[in-house]
Amino acid sequence: MSIISRVQGLDWVNIHHTLDENGFAILDPLLTKKECEDFIVMYEEEQAYRTTIDMKRYRFGKGQYKYFDYPLPQIIQDLRVTFYPELAKAANRWGDYLRKGNCSKYPTYPDQHANFIQMCEAADQVRPTPLILKYGEGDYNALHQDLYGDVYFPFQVVFMLNEKEQDFTGGEFMLVEQVPRAQSRGHVAMPNQGGAVIFPTNHRPVEGKKGYYKNTIRHGVSTITSGNRYGLGIIFHDSK
């Protein structure tokens, strides 16, 4: 079954409900073991990437990641284009919630990814952002947001490319939710190999007594205690 069919065949009714309730959703394995292994092998193929980031150098944490270049590998393009329409529905629904809470500046997102990329191009955001990440023992990713410019999409998807406890230990994917006038709330979302997490790029709506308000979300990866951990990030907006 093609990756397009696999994404379209997900239980999107349940995913939408989970996103509204929890702010994120964990997906069962969607990529095959071979596809995951192929991505790990691809990590060493420098011609596939536009840039390599040493996280320690920029104080982003410790480890390394690489941004894919255009034209994207077909499976990356298919994931980007196929996830987008359902997540655009969720983004616009969240926008409706937030506008009811007087967040009038929340934008509306087009139905198709190609139209959204035109919005990025108009804002001079033309560099692709899908990336592959590698962490070794002692590496980690500090809490952050992947915004890259004024235009950004409210969701992104991260895939686990190898198996926790078998290939590495530690390295939990973390989400920290800043609750207004309260202590922050932490979440750990750890899919199996080939599985993924859908999570907010910037914030999520939460219903309160006086309508909806925004909780800011940051994400990161805890310290790897042994082995190597690989991840694949599907970000839908491009970068300046």
C-alpha atoms as a PDB file:
ATOM      1  CA  MET A   1       0.000   0.000   0.000  1.00  0.00           C
ATOM      2  CA  SER A   2       1.369   3.434  -0.908  1.00  0.00           C
ATOM      3  CA  ILE A   3       2.188   5.971   1.785  1.00  0.00           C
ATOM      4  CA  ILE A   4      -0.582   8.171   0.342  1.00  0.00           C
ATOM      5  CA  SER A   5      -3.152   5.406   0.897  1.00  0.00           C
ATOM      6  CA  ARG A   6      -1.812   4.711   4.392  1.00  0.00           C
ATOM      7  CA  VAL A   7      -2.172   8.345   5.451  1.00  0.00           C
ATOM      8  CA  GLN A   8      -5.603   8.714   3.868  1.00  0.00           C
ATOM      9  CA  GLY A   9      -6.695   5.480   5.560  1.00  0.00           C
ATOM     10  CA  LEU A  10      -5.929   6.692   9.083  1.00  0.00           C
ATOM     11  CA  ASP A  11      -8.820   7.014  11.520  1.00  0.00           C
ATOM     12  CA  TRP A  12      -9.054  10.759  11.054  1.00  0.00           C
ATOM     13  CA  VAL A  13     -12.285  11.112  13.040  1.00  0.00           C
ATOM     14  CA  ASN A  14     -10.487   9.793  16.114  1.00  0.00           C
ATOM     15  CA  ILE A  15      -7.330  11.788  15.358  1.00  0.00           C
ATOM     16  CA  HIS A  16      -9.296  15.052  15.159  1.00  0.00           C
ATOM     17  CA  HIS A  17     -11.012  14.235  18.457  1.00  0.00           C
ATOM     18  CA  THR A  18      -7.669  13.441  20.116  1.00  0.00           C
ATOM     19  CA  LEU A  19      -6.073  16.648  18.842  1.00  0.00           C
ATOM     20  CA  ASP A  20      -8.930  18.690  20.281  1.00  0.00           C
ATOM     21  CA  GLU A  21      -8.853  16.853  23.603  1.00  0.00           C
ATOM     22  CA  ASN A  22      -5.103  16.480  24.166  1.00  0.00           C
ATOM     23  CA  GLY A  23      -3.435  18.864  21.730  1.00  0.00           C
ATOM     24  CA  PHE A  24      -1.432  16.039  20.124  1.00  0.00           C
ATOM     25  CA  ALA A  25      -1.973  12.534  18.734  1.00  0.00           C
ATOM     26  CA  ILE A  26       0.280   9.467  18.627  1.00  0.00           C
ATOM     27  CA  LEU A  27       0.014   7.341  15.479  1.00  0.00           C
ATOM     28  CA  ASP A  28       0.665   3.612  15.198  1.00  0.00           C
ATOM     29  CA  PRO A  29       3.437   2.609  12.769  1.00  0.00           C
ATOM     30  CA  LEU A  30       2.782   4.187   9.396  1.00  0.00           C
ATOM     31  CA  LEU A  31       6.202   3.782   7.802  1.00  0.00           C
ATOM     32  CA  THR A  32       7.437   0.244   7.183  1.00  0.00           C
ATOM     33  CA  LYS A  33      10.604  -1.055   8.834  1.00  0.00           C
ATOM     34  CA  LYS A  34      12.372  -0.923   5.460  1.00  0.00           C
ATOM     35  CA  GLU A  35      11.284   2.683   4.863  1.00  0.00           C
ATOM     36  CA  CYS A  36      12.659   3.607   8.278  1.00  0.00           C
ATOM     37  CA  GLU A  37      15.929   1.821   7.547  1.00  0.00           C
ATOM     38  CA  ASP A  38      16.164   3.537   4.151  1.00  0.00           C
ATOM     39  CA  PHE A  39      15.845   6.946   5.836  1.00  0.00           C
ATOM     40  CA  ILE A  40      18.629   6.064   8.258  1.00  0.00           C
ATOM     41  CA  VAL A  41      20.875   5.057   5.347  1.00  0.00           C
ATOM     42  CA  MET A  42      19.859   8.278   3.541  1.00  0.00           C
ATOM     43  CA  TYR A  43      21.173  10.266   6.492  1.00  0.00           C
ATOM     44  CA  GLU A  44      24.724   9.783   5.186  1.00  0.00           C
ATOM     45  CA  GLU A  45      23.864  10.847   1.610  1.00  0.00           C
ATOM     46  CA  GLU A  46      24.874  14.500   1.649  1.00  0.00           C
ATOM     47  CA  GLN A  47      23.376  15.295  -1.769  1.00  0.00           C
ATOM     48  CA  ALA A  48      19.853  14.926  -0.354  1.00  0.00           C
ATOM     49  CA  TYR A  49      20.207  17.906   2.004  1.00  0.00           C
ATOM     50  CA  ARG A  50      20.506  21.676   1.824  1.00  0.00           C
ATOM     51  CA  THR A  51      22.219  22.135   5.195  1.00  0.00           C
ATOM     52  CA  THR A  52      23.458  20.294   8.286  1.00  0.00           C
ATOM     53  CA  ILE A  53      22.983  21.764  11.761  1.00  0.00           C
ATOM     54  CA  ASP A  54      25.303  21.028  14.695  1.00  0.00           C
ATOM     55  CA  MET A  55      22.907  21.578  17.583  1.00  0.00           C
ATOM     56  CA  LYS A  56      25.615  22.245  20.173  1.00  0.00           C
ATOM     57  CA  ARG A  57      27.099  25.047  18.073  1.00  0.00           C
ATOM     58  CA  TYR A  58      23.803  26.942  18.105  1.00  0.00           C
ATOM     59  CA  ARG A  59      22.938  25.975  21.693  1.00  0.00           C
ATOM     60  CA  PHE A  60      19.889  24.052  20.456  1.00  0.00           C
ATOM     61  CA  GLY A  61      20.957  21.028  22.464  1.00  0.00           C
ATOM     62  CA  LYS A  62      23.416  18.355  21.375  1.00  0.00           C
ATOM     63  CA  GLY A  63      23.172  16.220  18.250  1.00  0.00           C
ATOM     64  CA  GLN A  64      22.742  16.840  14.545  1.00  0.00           C
ATOM     65  CA  TYR A  65      19.996  17.307  12.015  1.00  0.00           C
ATOM     66  CA  LYS A  66      19.789  17.848   8.273  1.00  0.00           C
ATOM     67  CA  TYR A  67      17.240  19.738   6.206  1.00  0.00           C
ATOM     68  CA  PHE A  68      16.184  18.074   2.962  1.00  0.00           C
ATOM     69  CA  ASP A  69      16.600  20.125  -0.217  1.00  0.00           C
ATOM     70  CA  TYR A  70      14.184  20.604  -3.087  1.00  0.00           C
ATOM     71  CA  PRO A  71      13.185  18.512  -4.912  1.00  0.00           C
ATOM     72  CA  LEU A  72      12.194  16.542  -1.839  1.00  0.00           C
ATOM     73  CA  PRO A  73      12.425  12.731  -1.907  1.00  0.00           C
ATOM     74  CA  GLN A  74       9.070  11.480  -3.201  1.00  0.00           C
ATOM     75  CA  ILE A  75       8.024   9.871   0.081  1.00  0.00           C
ATOM     76  CA  ILE A  76       8.693  13.146   1.944  1.00  0.00           C
ATOM     77  CA  GLN A  77       6.662  15.097  -0.605  1.00  0.00           C
ATOM     78  CA  ASP A  78       3.836  12.530  -0.385  1.00  0.00           C
ATOM     79  CA  LEU A  79       3.772  12.747   3.416  1.00  0.00           C
ATOM     80  CA  ARG A  80       3.694  16.543   3.325  1.00  0.00           C
ATOM     81  CA  VAL A  81       0.947  16.777   0.717  1.00  0.00           C
ATOM     82  CA  THR A  82      -1.207  13.937   2.091  1.00  0.00           C
ATOM     83  CA  PHE A  83      -1.168  14.869   5.778  1.00  0.00           C
ATOM     84  CA  TYR A  84      -1.859  18.511   5.022  1.00  0.00           C
ATOM     85  CA  PRO A  85      -5.588  18.504   4.024  1.00  0.00           C
ATOM     86  CA  GLU A  86      -6.794  16.805   7.219  1.00  0.00           C
ATOM     87  CA  LEU A  87      -4.499  18.900   9.393  1.00  0.00           C
ATOM     88  CA  ALA A  88      -5.715  22.049   7.611  1.00  0.00           C
ATOM     89  CA  LYS A  89      -9.236  21.084   8.735  1.00  0.00           C
ATOM     90  CA  ALA A  90      -7.959  20.859  12.307  1.00  0.00           C
ATOM     91  CA  ALA A  91      -6.045  24.145  11.962  1.00  0.00           C
ATOM     92  CA  ASN A  92      -9.136  25.983  10.706  1.00  0.00           C
ATOM     93  CA  ARG A  93     -11.289  24.428  13.417  1.00  0.00           C
ATOM     94  CA  TRP A  94      -8.782  25.598  16.027  1.00  0.00           C
ATOM     95  CA  GLY A  95      -8.879  29.003  14.369  1.00  0.00           C
ATOM     96  CA  ASP A  96     -12.649  29.094  14.798  1.00  0.00           C
ATOM     97  CA  TYR A  97     -12.242  28.261  18.487  1.00  0.00           C
ATOM     98  CA  LEU A  98      -9.633  30.972  19.003  1.00  0.00           C
ATOM     99  CA  ARG A  99     -11.533  33.631  17.085  1.00  0.00           C
ATOM    100  CA  LYS A 100     -14.439  32.988  19.453  1.00  0.00           C
ATOM    101  CA  GLY A 101     -11.947  33.730  22.215  1.00  0.00           C
ATOM    102  CA  ASN A 102     -11.124  37.093  20.606  1.00  0.00           C
ATOM    103  CA  CYS A 103      -7.943  35.861  18.858  1.00  0.00           C
ATOM    104  CA  SER A 104      -9.023  37.585  15.652  1.00  0.00           C
ATOM    105  CA  LYS A 105      -5.584  37.475  13.975  1.00  0.00           C
ATOM    106  CA  TYR A 106      -5.596  33.690  13.641  1.00  0.00           C
ATOM    107  CA  PRO A 107      -5.332  32.979   9.870  1.00  0.00           C
ATOM    108  CA  THR A 108      -7.355  30.651   7.659  1.00  0.00           C
ATOM    109  CA  TYR A 109      -5.456  27.884   5.854  1.00  0.00           C
ATOM    110  CA  PRO A 110      -6.149  26.681   2.289  1.00  0.00           C
ATOM    111  CA  ASP A 111      -7.312  23.130   1.633  1.00  0.00           C
ATOM    112  CA  GLN A 112      -4.244  22.038  -0.354  1.00  0.00           C
ATOM    113  CA  HIS A 113      -0.558  22.188   0.534  1.00  0.00           C
ATOM    114  CA  ALA A 114       0.448  23.732  -2.801  1.00  0.00           C
ATOM    115  CA  ASN A 115      -1.721  26.755  -2.046  1.00  0.00           C
ATOM    116  CA  PHE A 116      -0.206  27.056   1.418  1.00  0.00           C
ATOM    117  CA  ILE A 117       3.303  26.955  -0.058  1.00  0.00           C
ATOM    118  CA  GLN A 118       2.294  29.909  -2.226  1.00  0.00           C
ATOM    119  CA  MET A 119       1.583  31.795   1.018  1.00  0.00           C
ATOM    120  CA  CYS A 120       5.102  30.919   2.185  1.00  0.00           C
ATOM    121  CA  GLU A 121       6.624  32.075  -1.102  1.00  0.00           C
ATOM    122  CA  ALA A 122       4.785  35.393  -0.848  1.00  0.00           C
ATOM    123  CA  ALA A 123       6.464  35.877   2.552  1.00  0.00           C
ATOM    124  CA  ASP A 124       9.894  35.039   1.054  1.00  0.00           C
ATOM    125  CA  GLN A 125       9.919  31.634   2.778  1.00  0.00           C
ATOM    126  CA  VAL A 126      11.249  29.331   0.062  1.00  0.00           C
ATOM    127  CA  ARG A 127      13.620  26.874   1.765  1.00  0.00           C
ATOM    128  CA  PRO A 128      12.232  23.401   2.573  1.00  0.00           C
ATOM    129  CA  THR A 129      12.016  22.398   6.231  1.00  0.00           C
ATOM    130  CA  PRO A 130      11.475  18.591   6.404  1.00  0.00           C
ATOM    131  CA  LEU A 131      14.444  17.200   8.300  1.00  0.00           C
ATOM    132  CA  ILE A 132      16.076  14.090   9.668  1.00  0.00           C
ATOM    133  CA  LEU A 133      17.634  14.052  13.136  1.00  0.00           C
ATOM    134  CA  LYS A 134      20.349  11.912  14.712  1.00  0.00           C
ATOM    135  CA  TYR A 135      21.127  11.768  18.428  1.00  0.00           C
ATOM    136  CA  GLY A 136      23.889   9.744  20.084  1.00  0.00           C
ATOM    137  CA  GLU A 137      24.575   8.971  23.718  1.00  0.00           C
ATOM    138  CA  GLY A 138      24.380  12.174  25.779  1.00  0.00           C
ATOM    139  CA  ASP A 139      22.578  14.116  23.044  1.00  0.00           C
ATOM    140  CA  TYR A 140      19.282  15.953  23.499  1.00  0.00           C
ATOM    141  CA  ASN A 141      17.077  18.598  21.875  1.00  0.00           C
ATOM    142  CA  ALA A 142      16.219  21.656  23.955  1.00  0.00           C
ATOM    143  CA  LEU A 143      12.611  22.811  24.134  1.00  0.00           C
ATOM    144  CA  HIS A 144      11.790  24.943  21.094  1.00  0.00           C
ATOM    145  CA  GLN A 145       9.317  25.838  18.335  1.00  0.00           C
ATOM    146  CA  ASP A 146       9.893  25.444  14.574  1.00  0.00           C
ATOM    147  CA  LEU A 147       8.473  28.704  13.198  1.00  0.00           C
ATOM    148  CA  TYR A 148      11.015  29.888  10.553  1.00  0.00           C
ATOM    149  CA  GLY A 149       9.114  33.047   9.563  1.00  0.00           C
ATOM    150  CA  ASP A 150       5.862  34.953   9.791  1.00  0.00           C
ATOM    151  CA  VAL A 151       3.932  32.206   7.946  1.00  0.00           C
ATOM    152  CA  TYR A 152       3.756  28.873   9.719  1.00  0.00           C
ATOM    153  CA  PHE A 153       1.413  25.892   9.813  1.00  0.00           C
ATOM    154  CA  PRO A 154      -0.090  25.047  13.233  1.00  0.00           C
ATOM    155  CA  PHE A 155       0.818  21.342  13.119  1.00  0.00           C
ATOM    156  CA  GLN A 156       3.841  19.213  12.360  1.00  0.00           C
ATOM    157  CA  VAL A 157       4.522  15.472  12.369  1.00  0.00           C
ATOM    158  CA  VAL A 158       7.566  13.653  13.707  1.00  0.00           C
ATOM    159  CA  PHE A 159       8.307   9.988  12.946  1.00  0.00           C
ATOM    160  CA  MET A 160      10.393   7.562  14.986  1.00  0.00           C
ATOM    161  CA  LEU A 161      12.837   5.787  12.655  1.00  0.00           C
ATOM    162  CA  ASN A 162      14.251   3.200  15.036  1.00  0.00           C
ATOM    163  CA  GLU A 163      13.143   1.323  18.144  1.00  0.00           C
ATOM    164  CA  LYS A 164      13.364   2.560  21.716  1.00  0.00           C
ATOM    165  CA  GLU A 165      14.974   0.086  24.163  1.00  0.00           C
ATOM    166  CA  GLN A 166      16.285  -1.946  21.230  1.00  0.00           C
ATOM    167  CA  ASP A 167      18.347   0.700  19.366  1.00  0.00           C
ATOM    168  CA  PHE A 168      18.581   3.391  22.038  1.00  0.00           C
ATOM    169  CA  THR A 169      17.481   4.266  25.553  1.00  0.00           C
ATOM    170  CA  GLY A 170      16.269   7.602  26.880  1.00  0.00           C
ATOM    171  CA  GLY A 171      15.389  10.077  24.137  1.00  0.00           C
ATOM    172  CA  GLU A 172      11.719  10.603  24.963  1.00  0.00           C
ATOM    173  CA  PHE A 173       9.835  13.056  22.775  1.00  0.00           C
ATOM    174  CA  MET A 174       8.582  15.795  25.086  1.00  0.00           C
ATOM    175  CA  LEU A 175       5.874  18.433  24.829  1.00  0.00           C
ATOM    176  CA  VAL A 176       5.694  21.179  27.427  1.00  0.00           C
ATOM    177  CA  GLU A 177       2.466  23.158  27.594  1.00  0.00           C
ATOM    178  CA  GLN A 178       2.550  26.610  29.146  1.00  0.00           C
ATOM    179  CA  VAL A 179      -0.741  27.136  30.972  1.00  0.00           C
ATOM    180  CA  PRO A 180      -1.612  30.802  31.642  1.00  0.00           C
ATOM    181  CA  ARG A 181      -1.355  31.771  35.324  1.00  0.00           C
ATOM    182  CA  ALA A 182      -0.424  28.194  36.265  1.00  0.00           C
ATOM    183  CA  GLN A 183       2.460  25.733  36.270  1.00  0.00           C
ATOM    184  CA  SER A 184       3.536  24.280  32.912  1.00  0.00           C
ATOM    185  CA  ARG A 185       2.324  20.803  31.974  1.00  0.00           C
ATOM    186  CA  GLY A 186       4.583  18.132  30.460  1.00  0.00           C
ATOM    187  CA  HIS A 187       3.663  15.328  28.062  1.00  0.00           C
ATOM    188  CA  VAL A 188       5.765  12.402  26.816  1.00  0.00           C
ATOM    189  CA  ALA A 189       4.760  11.051  23.398  1.00  0.00           C
ATOM    190  CA  MET A 190       6.815   8.043  22.353  1.00  0.00           C
ATOM    191  CA  PRO A 191       5.661   6.187  19.196  1.00  0.00           C
ATOM    192  CA  ASN A 192       7.072   2.860  18.072  1.00  0.00           C
ATOM    193  CA  GLN A 193       9.360   2.543  15.048  1.00  0.00           C
ATOM    194  CA  GLY A 194       7.516   3.905  12.015  1.00  0.00           C
ATOM    195  CA  GLY A 195       4.933   5.614  14.207  1.00  0.00           C
ATOM    196  CA  ALA A 196       4.525   9.350  14.567  1.00  0.00           C
ATOM    197  CA  VAL A 197       3.307  12.207  16.722  1.00  0.00           C
ATOM    198  CA  ILE A 198       1.129  15.026  15.382  1.00  0.00           C
ATOM    199  CA  PHE A 199       1.631  18.065  17.591  1.00  0.00           C
ATOM    200  CA  PRO A 200       1.213  21.862  17.614  1.00  0.00           C
ATOM    201  CA  THR A 201       3.894  24.077  16.141  1.00  0.00           C
ATOM    202  CA  ASN A 202       3.142  27.031  18.416  1.00  0.00           C
ATOM    203  CA  HIS A 203       0.025  26.779  20.588  1.00  0.00           C
ATOM    204  CA  ARG A 204      -3.308  25.015  21.038  1.00  0.00           C
ATOM    205  CA  PRO A 205      -6.797  26.212  22.017  1.00  0.00           C
ATOM    206  CA  VAL A 206      -8.173  25.261  25.400  1.00  0.00           C
ATOM    207  CA  GLU A 207     -11.733  25.941  26.507  1.00  0.00           C
ATOM    208  CA  GLY A 208     -12.120  27.964  29.677  1.00  0.00           C
ATOM    209  CA  LYS A 209     -14.979  29.572  31.560  1.00  0.00           C
ATOM    210  CA  LYS A 210     -14.872  32.646  29.322  1.00  0.00           C
ATOM    211  CA  GLY A 211     -14.274  30.893  26.002  1.00  0.00           C
ATOM    212  CA  TYR A 212     -11.118  29.584  24.358  1.00  0.00           C
ATOM    213  CA  TYR A 213      -7.592  30.715  25.154  1.00  0.00           C
ATOM    214  CA  LYS A 214      -4.132  29.692  23.878  1.00  0.00           C
ATOM    215  CA  ASN A 215      -1.655  27.396  25.594  1.00  0.00           C
ATOM    216  CA  THR A 216       1.864  27.767  24.179  1.00  0.00           C
ATOM    217  CA  ILE A 217       3.571  24.467  23.281  1.00  0.00           C
ATOM    218  CA  ARG A 218       7.284  23.722  22.998  1.00  0.00           C
ATOM    219  CA  HIS A 219       8.809  20.387  22.101  1.00  0.00           C
ATOM    220  CA  GLY A 220      12.144  18.647  22.537  1.00  0.00           C
ATOM    221  CA  VAL A 221      13.896  15.323  23.132  1.00  0.00           C
ATOM    222  CA  SER A 222      15.265  14.150  26.484  1.00  0.00           C
ATOM    223  CA  THR A 223      18.859  12.957  26.847  1.00  0.00           C
ATOM    224  CA  ILE A 224      19.772   9.755  25.022  1.00  0.00           C
ATOM    225  CA  THR A 225      21.388   7.411  27.542  1.00  0.00           C
ATOM    226  CA  SER A 226      22.667   4.787  25.058  1.00  0.00           C
ATOM    227  CA  GLY A 227      22.668   4.016  21.328  1.00  0.00           C
ATOM    228  CA  ASN A 228      21.598   6.231  18.435  1.00  0.00           C
ATOM    229  CA  ARG A 229      18.118   7.694  17.946  1.00  0.00           C
ATOM    230  CA  TYR A 230      16.827   8.782  14.499  1.00  0.00           C
ATOM    231  CA  GLY A 231      13.751  10.871  13.787  1.00  0.00           C
ATOM    232  CA  LEU A 232      12.054  12.358  10.727  1.00  0.00           C
ATOM    233  CA  GLY A 233      10.293  15.715  10.960  1.00  0.00           C
ATOM    234  CA  ILE A 234       7.585  16.755   8.518  1.00  0.00           C
ATOM    235  CA  ILE A 235       7.137  20.527   8.730  1.00  0.00           C
ATOM    236  CA  PHE A 236       4.612  22.004   6.332  1.00  0.00           C
ATOM    237  CA  HIS A 237       5.791  25.621   6.047  1.00  0.00           C
ATOM    238  CA  ASP A 238       9.040  26.661   4.392  1.00  0.00           C
ATOM    239  CA  SER A 239      11.768  28.847   5.859  1.00  0.00           C
ATOM    240  CA  LYS A 240      13.270  32.221   4.988  1.00  0.00           C
END
